Amino acid sequence: MLTELLSALDRGAIRMIDLTNTLSSDTPTLRLPEPFSNLIDFSLEEVSAYNEPGPFWKHHNIRTGEHIGTHIDAPVHWISGREGKDVAGIGLPRLVGPAVVLDVRAEVEDDPDFLIDVPRIEAWEAEHGRLPENGWLLLRTGWEKYSDDQEAFLNADENGSHTPGLSAEAAEWLATERPISGIGVDTVGIDAGKAAEFQPPFPAHHHLLGHDKYGVTSLQNLAQLPVTGAVLVVAPLPIVGGTGSPARVFALVEE
């Protein structure tokens, strides 16, 4: 089977689609209001560049928060999952699985605070089938068009951030009623921008991570995926004790 897979990749029968935002000091990141502390942004520190400190090589130190750019949230990231897995503890079978795409761009175009509720997901299932076991529900909101603009990506005003996401009921339902590995979003976080006002606060984090399910953020190129039939691969760094990690996320799609 592996030989067949490699052959299919070589002849273009299976295409690899990169869903990862590039990682640099310009990558948009979450900004929490005071009194909460923010992670540091990504940066590179040159150690040598074919010069006296290293005449034959170039290398850098990197500095970054765990939850910067396209990244995975592990259960220990949230208080509801504090007894759960760190990034290094997530098993590989949970990081590879079928992916399905729920497209709500039309609703988000009219309302940046749009919330995906349970009936909206059930309507999708009525048309495309039940969410797959060990699968990933990818929420295509169209927000990736702002992924190179910090201000537009957060879309914040004096009342907070305005970005789409799951309702509190939908987050709990996905965590308890569907055997998925997790969700993926094209926004800065797996919760809606106004989720601090929900009960419980930040319900996607609370329910999903509390039930050993994961979140992947800041996805790109969801337009290139079919509604069903893709396979998602999430490849974070296995950071011992890590609550999250920047990740390379890509999909395999049959042509």
Protein backbone atom coordinates (compact mmCIF):
# COMPACT_ATOMS: atom_id res chain seq x y z
CA MET A 1 0.00 0.00 0.00
CA LEU A 2 2.84 2.38 0.75
CA THR A 3 4.35 1.69 -2.66
CA GLU A 4 0.97 2.45 -4.23
CA LEU A 5 0.77 5.69 -2.25
CA LEU A 6 4.21 6.81 -3.40
CA SER A 7 3.36 5.91 -6.98
CA ALA A 8 0.11 7.87 -6.78
CA LEU A 9 1.96 10.90 -5.41
CA ASP A 10 4.60 10.62 -8.12
CA ARG A 11 2.14 10.50 -11.00
CA GLY A 12 -0.12 13.18 -9.49
CA ALA A 13 -3.07 10.93 -8.72
CA ILE A 14 -2.84 12.15 -5.13
CA ARG A 15 -2.04 15.80 -4.50
CA MET A 16 -0.52 17.28 -1.36
CA ILE A 17 -2.03 20.61 -0.29
CA ASP A 18 -0.23 22.77 2.23
CA LEU A 19 -2.68 24.26 4.73
CA THR A 20 -0.03 26.07 6.80
CA ASN A 21 0.50 29.79 7.13
CA THR A 22 4.13 30.89 6.85
CA LEU A 23 5.85 31.59 10.17
CA SER A 24 7.73 34.86 10.60
CA SER A 25 7.78 37.96 12.76
CA ASP A 26 4.92 39.27 10.60
CA THR A 27 2.59 36.31 11.22
CA PRO A 28 -0.63 37.59 12.84
CA THR A 29 -0.98 36.45 16.45
CA LEU A 30 -3.55 36.59 19.21
CA ARG A 31 -3.55 39.66 21.45
CA LEU A 32 -5.10 39.28 24.91
CA PRO A 33 -6.29 42.39 26.77
CA GLU A 34 -4.82 43.46 30.09
CA PRO A 35 -4.30 42.10 32.71
CA PHE A 36 -3.57 38.88 30.75
CA SER A 37 -0.08 38.12 29.43
CA ASN A 38 0.68 37.51 25.77
CA LEU A 39 3.10 35.08 24.16
CA ILE A 40 6.15 36.42 22.36
CA ASP A 41 6.00 36.63 18.59
CA PHE A 42 8.16 34.45 16.38
CA SER A 43 11.68 35.70 15.72
CA LEU A 44 15.02 34.46 14.39
CA GLU A 45 18.37 35.28 16.01
CA GLU A 46 21.38 34.81 13.78
CA VAL A 47 24.16 32.76 15.38
CA SER A 48 26.44 32.48 12.35
CA ALA A 49 26.27 33.10 8.62
CA TYR A 50 29.30 31.65 6.84
CA ASN A 51 31.53 33.87 8.97
CA GLU A 52 33.89 33.64 11.97
CA PRO A 53 31.28 32.16 14.38
CA GLY A 54 30.56 29.49 11.79
CA PRO A 55 32.62 29.65 8.59
CA PHE A 56 30.88 26.83 6.71
CA TRP A 57 27.32 27.15 7.89
CA LYS A 58 24.43 29.43 8.76
CA HIS A 59 22.11 28.82 11.67
CA HIS A 60 19.73 30.64 14.01
CA ASN A 61 18.13 30.46 17.39
CA ILE A 62 14.35 30.71 17.25
CA ARG A 63 12.14 32.38 19.83
CA THR A 64 8.40 31.86 19.75
CA GLY A 65 5.33 31.21 21.80
CA GLU A 66 3.72 27.79 21.49
CA HIS A 67 0.48 29.15 20.03
CA ILE A 68 1.82 31.24 17.15
CA GLY A 69 0.73 30.94 13.52
CA THR A 70 -0.68 27.63 12.34
CA HIS A 71 -0.50 25.57 15.52
CA ILE A 72 -2.15 22.78 17.48
CA ASP A 73 -3.76 23.13 20.90
CA ALA A 74 -3.10 20.15 23.20
CA PRO A 75 -5.48 19.25 26.06
CA VAL A 76 -3.16 20.65 28.77
CA HIS A 77 -3.52 24.08 27.16
CA TRP A 78 -6.86 24.50 28.96
CA ILE A 79 -7.89 24.09 32.57
CA SER A 80 -10.53 21.53 31.59
CA GLY A 81 -7.77 19.36 30.08
CA ARG A 82 -5.09 19.99 32.68
CA GLU A 83 -4.82 16.26 33.46
CA GLY A 84 -4.68 15.38 29.77
CA LYS A 85 -1.99 15.08 27.12
CA ASP A 86 0.79 17.49 26.32
CA VAL A 87 1.86 17.89 22.68
CA ALA A 88 4.40 15.07 22.93
CA GLY A 89 1.71 12.78 24.32
CA ILE A 90 -0.67 13.07 21.37
CA GLY A 91 -0.52 9.75 19.53
CA LEU A 92 0.32 9.76 15.85
CA PRO A 93 -2.95 8.02 14.87
CA ARG A 94 -4.82 11.04 16.25
CA LEU A 95 -2.79 13.38 14.03
CA VAL A 96 -3.70 11.70 10.73
CA GLY A 97 -7.30 11.21 9.69
CA PRO A 98 -10.13 12.04 7.31
CA ALA A 99 -11.01 15.70 6.89
CA VAL A 100 -14.33 17.28 6.02
CA VAL A 101 -15.02 20.94 5.24
CA LEU A 102 -17.97 22.99 6.49
CA ASP A 103 -18.23 26.15 4.39
CA VAL A 104 -19.90 29.12 6.11
CA ARG A 105 -18.34 31.93 4.07
CA ALA A 106 -21.70 33.33 2.99
CA GLU A 107 -22.90 33.69 6.58
CA VAL A 108 -19.61 35.20 7.74
CA GLU A 109 -19.65 37.72 4.89
CA ASP A 110 -22.87 39.11 6.39
CA ASP A 111 -21.82 38.74 10.04
CA PRO A 112 -18.19 38.46 11.21
CA ASP A 113 -19.51 37.26 14.60
CA PHE A 114 -21.38 34.37 12.98
CA LEU A 115 -21.62 31.26 15.15
CA ILE A 116 -21.93 27.74 13.80
CA ASP A 117 -24.64 25.95 15.76
CA VAL A 118 -25.66 22.30 16.07
CA PRO A 119 -28.48 22.48 13.46
CA ARG A 120 -26.00 23.89 10.92
CA ILE A 121 -23.67 20.91 11.45
CA GLU A 122 -26.56 18.44 11.42
CA ALA A 123 -27.75 19.93 8.12
CA TRP A 124 -24.26 19.36 6.72
CA GLU A 125 -24.38 15.75 7.95
CA ALA A 126 -27.78 15.21 6.33
CA GLU A 127 -26.20 16.07 2.98
CA HIS A 128 -22.70 14.61 3.31
CA GLY A 129 -22.87 11.94 6.01
CA ARG A 130 -21.92 11.73 9.66
CA LEU A 131 -18.67 13.34 10.80
CA PRO A 132 -15.97 10.67 10.44
CA GLU A 133 -14.44 8.82 13.36
CA ASN A 134 -10.95 10.11 14.20
CA GLY A 135 -11.60 12.83 11.64
CA TRP A 136 -11.16 16.58 11.50
CA LEU A 137 -13.95 19.09 10.99
CA LEU A 138 -12.45 22.05 9.12
CA LEU A 139 -14.42 25.30 9.36
CA ARG A 140 -14.02 27.36 6.20
CA THR A 141 -15.08 30.90 7.07
CA GLY A 142 -13.04 32.77 4.46
CA TRP A 143 -11.00 34.45 7.20
CA GLU A 144 -7.71 33.31 5.69
CA LYS A 145 -7.89 36.28 3.32
CA TYR A 146 -6.77 38.38 6.30
CA SER A 147 -3.92 36.07 7.32
CA ASP A 148 -1.16 38.54 6.40
CA ASP A 149 -2.78 41.50 8.17
CA GLN A 150 -2.62 41.56 11.98
CA GLU A 151 -5.34 44.20 12.42
CA ALA A 152 -7.82 42.67 9.98
CA PHE A 153 -7.14 39.12 11.22
CA LEU A 154 -8.09 40.02 14.81
CA ASN A 155 -10.82 42.48 13.73
CA ALA A 156 -10.96 44.08 17.16
CA ASP A 157 -12.65 47.23 18.43
CA GLU A 158 -13.51 48.63 21.86
CA ASN A 159 -15.91 45.71 22.35
CA GLY A 160 -13.35 43.02 21.60
CA SER A 161 -12.54 40.82 18.63
CA HIS A 162 -15.11 39.99 15.96
CA THR A 163 -14.34 36.67 14.28
CA PRO A 164 -16.57 33.65 13.58
CA GLY A 165 -16.55 30.31 15.37
CA LEU A 166 -18.64 27.71 17.18
CA SER A 167 -21.54 28.36 19.50
CA ALA A 168 -21.14 27.04 23.04
CA GLU A 169 -23.70 24.32 22.35
CA ALA A 170 -21.96 23.24 19.14
CA ALA A 171 -18.60 23.03 20.89
CA GLU A 172 -20.02 20.78 23.61
CA TRP A 173 -21.91 18.67 21.06
CA LEU A 174 -18.80 18.09 18.95
CA ALA A 175 -16.80 17.20 22.05
CA THR A 176 -19.33 14.72 23.43
CA GLU A 177 -21.47 13.48 20.55
CA ARG A 178 -19.04 13.00 17.67
CA PRO A 179 -15.87 10.81 17.69
CA ILE A 180 -13.66 13.33 15.90
CA SER A 181 -10.01 14.06 16.66
CA GLY A 182 -10.61 17.77 16.52
CA ILE A 183 -11.45 20.86 14.54
CA GLY A 184 -9.44 23.14 12.28
CA VAL A 185 -10.13 26.82 11.65
CA ASP A 186 -8.84 29.56 9.36
CA THR A 187 -9.05 32.14 12.18
CA VAL A 188 -6.52 32.99 14.90
CA GLY A 189 -8.03 30.62 17.48
CA ILE A 190 -10.54 27.79 17.74
CA ASP A 191 -13.03 29.99 19.59
CA ALA A 192 -15.07 32.84 18.19
CA GLY A 193 -13.78 36.35 18.85
CA LYS A 194 -16.50 37.08 21.44
CA ALA A 195 -16.20 33.69 23.17
CA ALA A 196 -15.03 35.23 26.45
CA GLU A 197 -18.68 36.25 26.92
CA PHE A 198 -20.03 32.70 26.46
CA GLN A 199 -20.88 30.12 29.11
CA PRO A 200 -18.47 28.58 29.75
CA PRO A 201 -15.97 31.15 28.50
CA PHE A 202 -14.11 29.97 25.40
CA PRO A 203 -16.29 26.87 25.00
CA ALA A 204 -14.38 25.32 22.08
CA HIS A 205 -11.25 25.22 24.24
CA HIS A 206 -13.19 24.14 27.32
CA HIS A 207 -15.16 21.30 25.77
CA LEU A 208 -12.85 19.97 23.06
CA LEU A 209 -9.59 20.03 25.01
CA GLY A 210 -11.40 18.75 28.08
CA HIS A 211 -12.47 15.68 26.08
CA ASP A 212 -9.06 14.86 24.56
CA LYS A 213 -9.85 16.54 21.26
CA TYR A 214 -7.60 19.04 19.57
CA GLY A 215 -7.70 22.30 17.68
CA VAL A 216 -5.63 23.55 14.74
CA THR A 217 -5.68 27.22 13.83
CA SER A 218 -4.77 29.68 11.07
CA LEU A 219 -5.28 27.19 8.25
CA GLN A 220 -4.81 28.21 4.62
CA ASN A 221 -5.98 26.94 1.22
CA LEU A 222 -9.18 25.30 2.43
CA ALA A 223 -10.66 26.22 -0.95
CA GLN A 224 -8.51 23.48 -2.50
CA LEU A 225 -10.07 20.72 -0.40
CA PRO A 226 -13.16 18.70 -1.31
CA VAL A 227 -16.09 18.74 1.10
CA THR A 228 -15.25 15.13 1.98
CA GLY A 229 -12.53 12.70 0.97
CA ALA A 230 -9.31 14.44 2.01
CA VAL A 231 -6.85 13.08 4.57
CA LEU A 232 -5.36 15.57 7.04
CA VAL A 233 -1.84 15.32 8.48
CA VAL A 234 -0.93 17.49 11.49
CA ALA A 235 2.78 17.54 12.35
CA PRO A 236 3.61 19.49 15.53
CA LEU A 237 6.90 19.44 17.39
CA PRO A 238 6.72 16.79 20.18
CA ILE A 239 7.43 19.30 22.97
CA VAL A 240 7.51 17.56 26.34
CA GLY A 241 5.16 19.51 28.59
CA GLY A 242 4.10 21.65 25.63
CA THR A 243 0.57 23.03 25.59
CA GLY A 244 0.76 23.66 21.87
CA SER A 245 3.18 23.84 18.98
CA PRO A 246 3.52 25.48 15.60
CA ALA A 247 2.70 22.73 13.11
CA ARG A 248 2.99 21.88 9.44
CA VAL A 249 -0.50 20.88 8.37
CA PHE A 250 -1.22 19.39 4.97
CA ALA A 251 -3.85 17.34 3.20
CA LEU A 252 -3.79 14.46 0.73
CA VAL A 253 -6.44 14.72 -1.97
CA GLU A 254 -7.25 12.35 -4.81
CA GLU A 255 -7.26 14.05 -8.19
